[in-house]
N, C-alpha and C. Protein backbone atom coordinates (compact mmCIF):
# COMPACT_ATOMS: atom_id res chain seq x y z
N MET A 1 40.16 -3.25 -3.49
CA MET A 1 39.99 -1.87 -3.09
C MET A 1 38.77 -1.24 -3.77
N LYS A 2 38.48 -1.64 -4.99
CA LYS A 2 37.34 -1.08 -5.71
C LYS A 2 36.02 -1.47 -5.05
N LEU A 3 35.94 -2.67 -4.51
CA LEU A 3 34.72 -3.13 -3.84
C LEU A 3 34.43 -2.27 -2.62
N LYS A 4 35.46 -1.92 -1.88
CA LYS A 4 35.29 -1.09 -0.69
C LYS A 4 34.78 0.29 -1.09
N THR A 5 35.33 0.86 -2.12
CA THR A 5 34.88 2.17 -2.61
C THR A 5 33.44 2.10 -3.08
N LEU A 6 33.09 1.04 -3.78
CA LEU A 6 31.73 0.87 -4.26
C LEU A 6 30.75 0.76 -3.09
N LEU A 7 31.13 0.02 -2.05
CA LEU A 7 30.26 -0.12 -0.88
C LEU A 7 29.98 1.24 -0.26
N TRP A 8 31.02 2.04 -0.08
CA TRP A 8 30.82 3.37 0.53
C TRP A 8 29.93 4.24 -0.35
N LEU A 9 30.10 4.17 -1.66
CA LEU A 9 29.25 4.95 -2.55
C LEU A 9 27.79 4.51 -2.47
N VAL A 10 27.57 3.20 -2.45
CA VAL A 10 26.21 2.68 -2.36
C VAL A 10 25.54 3.11 -1.07
N LEU A 11 26.32 3.16 0.01
CA LEU A 11 25.76 3.54 1.30
C LEU A 11 25.58 5.05 1.43
N LEU A 12 26.48 5.81 0.84
CA LEU A 12 26.42 7.25 1.01
C LEU A 12 25.47 7.94 0.04
N LEU A 13 25.26 7.38 -1.15
CA LEU A 13 24.36 8.02 -2.10
C LEU A 13 22.95 8.17 -1.55
N PRO A 14 22.33 7.12 -0.98
CA PRO A 14 21.00 7.34 -0.40
C PRO A 14 21.04 8.34 0.75
N ALA A 15 22.11 8.33 1.51
CA ALA A 15 22.22 9.29 2.61
C ALA A 15 22.31 10.71 2.05
N GLY A 16 23.06 10.88 0.96
CA GLY A 16 23.17 12.20 0.34
C GLY A 16 21.86 12.67 -0.24
N CYS A 17 21.11 11.75 -0.85
CA CYS A 17 19.81 12.12 -1.40
C CYS A 17 18.85 12.49 -0.29
N GLY A 18 18.98 11.82 0.82
CA GLY A 18 18.09 12.09 1.95
C GLY A 18 18.45 13.35 2.71
N LEU A 19 19.63 13.90 2.46
CA LEU A 19 20.04 15.09 3.20
C LEU A 19 19.14 16.28 2.90
N GLN A 20 18.56 16.31 1.71
CA GLN A 20 17.67 17.40 1.37
C GLN A 20 16.49 17.43 2.32
N GLY A 21 15.95 16.27 2.66
CA GLY A 21 14.83 16.18 3.58
C GLY A 21 15.29 15.93 5.00
N GLY A 22 16.60 15.70 5.18
CA GLY A 22 17.14 15.45 6.50
C GLY A 22 16.84 14.07 7.05
N ARG A 23 16.50 13.11 6.19
CA ARG A 23 16.13 11.79 6.69
C ARG A 23 17.32 11.00 7.21
N TYR A 24 18.42 10.96 6.46
CA TYR A 24 19.56 10.12 6.84
C TYR A 24 20.73 10.96 7.32
N GLN A 25 21.41 10.41 8.33
CA GLN A 25 22.66 11.00 8.80
C GLN A 25 23.69 9.89 8.81
N GLY A 26 24.88 10.18 8.32
CA GLY A 26 25.93 9.17 8.25
C GLY A 26 27.20 9.65 8.92
N MET A 27 27.96 8.68 9.44
CA MET A 27 29.21 9.01 10.10
C MET A 27 30.11 7.78 10.08
N ALA A 28 31.38 7.98 9.77
CA ALA A 28 32.35 6.89 9.81
C ALA A 28 33.05 6.92 11.16
N ASP A 29 33.51 5.75 11.60
CA ASP A 29 34.27 5.73 12.85
C ASP A 29 35.65 6.37 12.62
N GLY A 30 36.42 6.51 13.64
CA GLY A 30 37.71 7.22 13.58
C GLY A 30 38.68 6.69 12.55
N ASP A 31 38.72 5.38 12.35
CA ASP A 31 39.68 4.84 11.38
C ASP A 31 39.02 4.51 10.04
N GLY A 32 37.75 4.85 9.86
CA GLY A 32 37.08 4.67 8.59
C GLY A 32 36.70 3.25 8.24
N ARG A 33 36.69 2.37 9.22
CA ARG A 33 36.37 0.96 8.95
C ARG A 33 34.88 0.67 9.05
N VAL A 34 34.14 1.50 9.74
CA VAL A 34 32.70 1.28 9.91
C VAL A 34 31.96 2.56 9.56
N LEU A 35 30.91 2.41 8.77
CA LEU A 35 30.04 3.53 8.44
C LEU A 35 28.73 3.32 9.18
N TRP A 36 28.31 4.32 9.94
CA TRP A 36 27.04 4.28 10.65
C TRP A 36 26.06 5.16 9.89
N ARG A 37 24.83 4.65 9.67
CA ARG A 37 23.81 5.43 8.99
C ARG A 37 22.54 5.40 9.83
N LEU A 38 22.05 6.57 10.17
CA LEU A 38 20.85 6.71 10.99
C LEU A 38 19.71 7.20 10.13
N ASP A 39 18.58 6.50 10.19
CA ASP A 39 17.35 6.94 9.53
C ASP A 39 16.60 7.76 10.57
N THR A 40 16.56 9.06 10.40
CA THR A 40 15.97 9.93 11.41
C THR A 40 14.45 9.83 11.45
N TYR A 41 13.83 9.19 10.43
CA TYR A 41 12.37 9.00 10.44
C TYR A 41 11.98 7.81 11.31
N THR A 42 12.72 6.70 11.18
CA THR A 42 12.35 5.46 11.88
C THR A 42 13.21 5.19 13.11
N GLY A 43 14.38 5.81 13.17
CA GLY A 43 15.31 5.53 14.26
C GLY A 43 16.19 4.34 13.99
N ASP A 44 16.04 3.70 12.81
CA ASP A 44 16.87 2.55 12.46
C ASP A 44 18.32 3.00 12.31
N LEU A 45 19.22 2.15 12.78
CA LEU A 45 20.65 2.41 12.68
C LEU A 45 21.27 1.25 11.93
N GLU A 46 22.20 1.55 11.03
CA GLU A 46 22.86 0.51 10.25
C GLU A 46 24.37 0.74 10.34
N ALA A 47 25.10 -0.33 10.63
CA ALA A 47 26.55 -0.28 10.69
C ALA A 47 27.08 -1.15 9.54
N CYS A 48 27.92 -0.57 8.70
CA CYS A 48 28.45 -1.31 7.55
C CYS A 48 29.97 -1.26 7.56
N GLY A 49 30.54 -2.37 7.16
CA GLY A 49 31.99 -2.47 7.09
C GLY A 49 32.35 -3.75 6.34
N PHE A 50 33.50 -4.32 6.64
CA PHE A 50 33.96 -5.53 5.98
C PHE A 50 34.26 -6.60 7.02
N GLU A 51 33.86 -7.83 6.70
CA GLU A 51 34.16 -8.98 7.55
C GLU A 51 34.75 -10.06 6.65
N SER A 52 35.96 -10.47 6.94
CA SER A 52 36.68 -11.45 6.11
C SER A 52 36.76 -10.99 4.66
N GLY A 53 36.95 -9.68 4.46
CA GLY A 53 37.10 -9.13 3.12
C GLY A 53 35.79 -8.92 2.36
N GLN A 54 34.68 -9.25 2.97
CA GLN A 54 33.38 -9.11 2.33
C GLN A 54 32.58 -7.99 3.00
N PRO A 55 31.84 -7.20 2.21
CA PRO A 55 31.02 -6.15 2.81
C PRO A 55 29.91 -6.75 3.66
N LYS A 56 29.67 -6.15 4.81
CA LYS A 56 28.61 -6.64 5.69
C LYS A 56 27.96 -5.45 6.40
N CYS A 57 26.63 -5.45 6.40
CA CYS A 57 25.88 -4.42 7.11
C CYS A 57 25.02 -5.10 8.17
N THR A 58 24.95 -4.47 9.32
CA THR A 58 24.11 -4.95 10.41
C THR A 58 23.10 -3.87 10.74
N ARG A 59 21.84 -4.26 10.76
CA ARG A 59 20.77 -3.30 11.03
C ARG A 59 20.34 -3.40 12.48
N PHE A 60 20.16 -2.25 13.11
CA PHE A 60 19.67 -2.17 14.46
C PHE A 60 18.34 -1.41 14.40
N PRO A 61 17.21 -2.12 14.51
CA PRO A 61 15.91 -1.46 14.39
C PRO A 61 15.73 -0.36 15.43
N GLY A 62 15.03 0.67 15.02
CA GLY A 62 14.76 1.76 15.92
C GLY A 62 13.67 1.40 16.91
N PRO A 63 13.42 2.27 17.89
CA PRO A 63 12.39 2.01 18.87
C PRO A 63 11.02 1.90 18.19
N GLY A 64 10.27 0.89 18.58
CA GLY A 64 8.94 0.69 18.00
C GLY A 64 8.96 0.12 16.60
N ASN A 65 10.11 -0.31 16.11
CA ASN A 65 10.25 -0.87 14.77
C ASN A 65 10.91 -2.24 14.90
N PRO A 66 10.14 -3.30 15.22
CA PRO A 66 10.71 -4.60 15.58
C PRO A 66 11.38 -5.37 14.47
N LYS A 67 11.32 -4.96 13.21
CA LYS A 67 11.92 -5.73 12.10
C LYS A 67 13.40 -5.68 12.11
C-alpha cells in the first residue's frame, strides 16, 4: 500500500508545482486506479496505474511531438 501512495505523490507533486503556471492538469478515473496527467504545453498525456502489482506509466505523445 505504501508503494501506491508513493507513486501518486511522485506523480502529483510535479503537477502541483506546475499548477502555478498552469502547465499540468491531473485527473484520476472514477475508481482511482488510473491517474491521467496532461502537459498543457506539449499536449503529452500520461496514464499511470498498477500492472501485476507494479507501478506502470504509459505516455501518449501530444500532436507534433513524436517521442
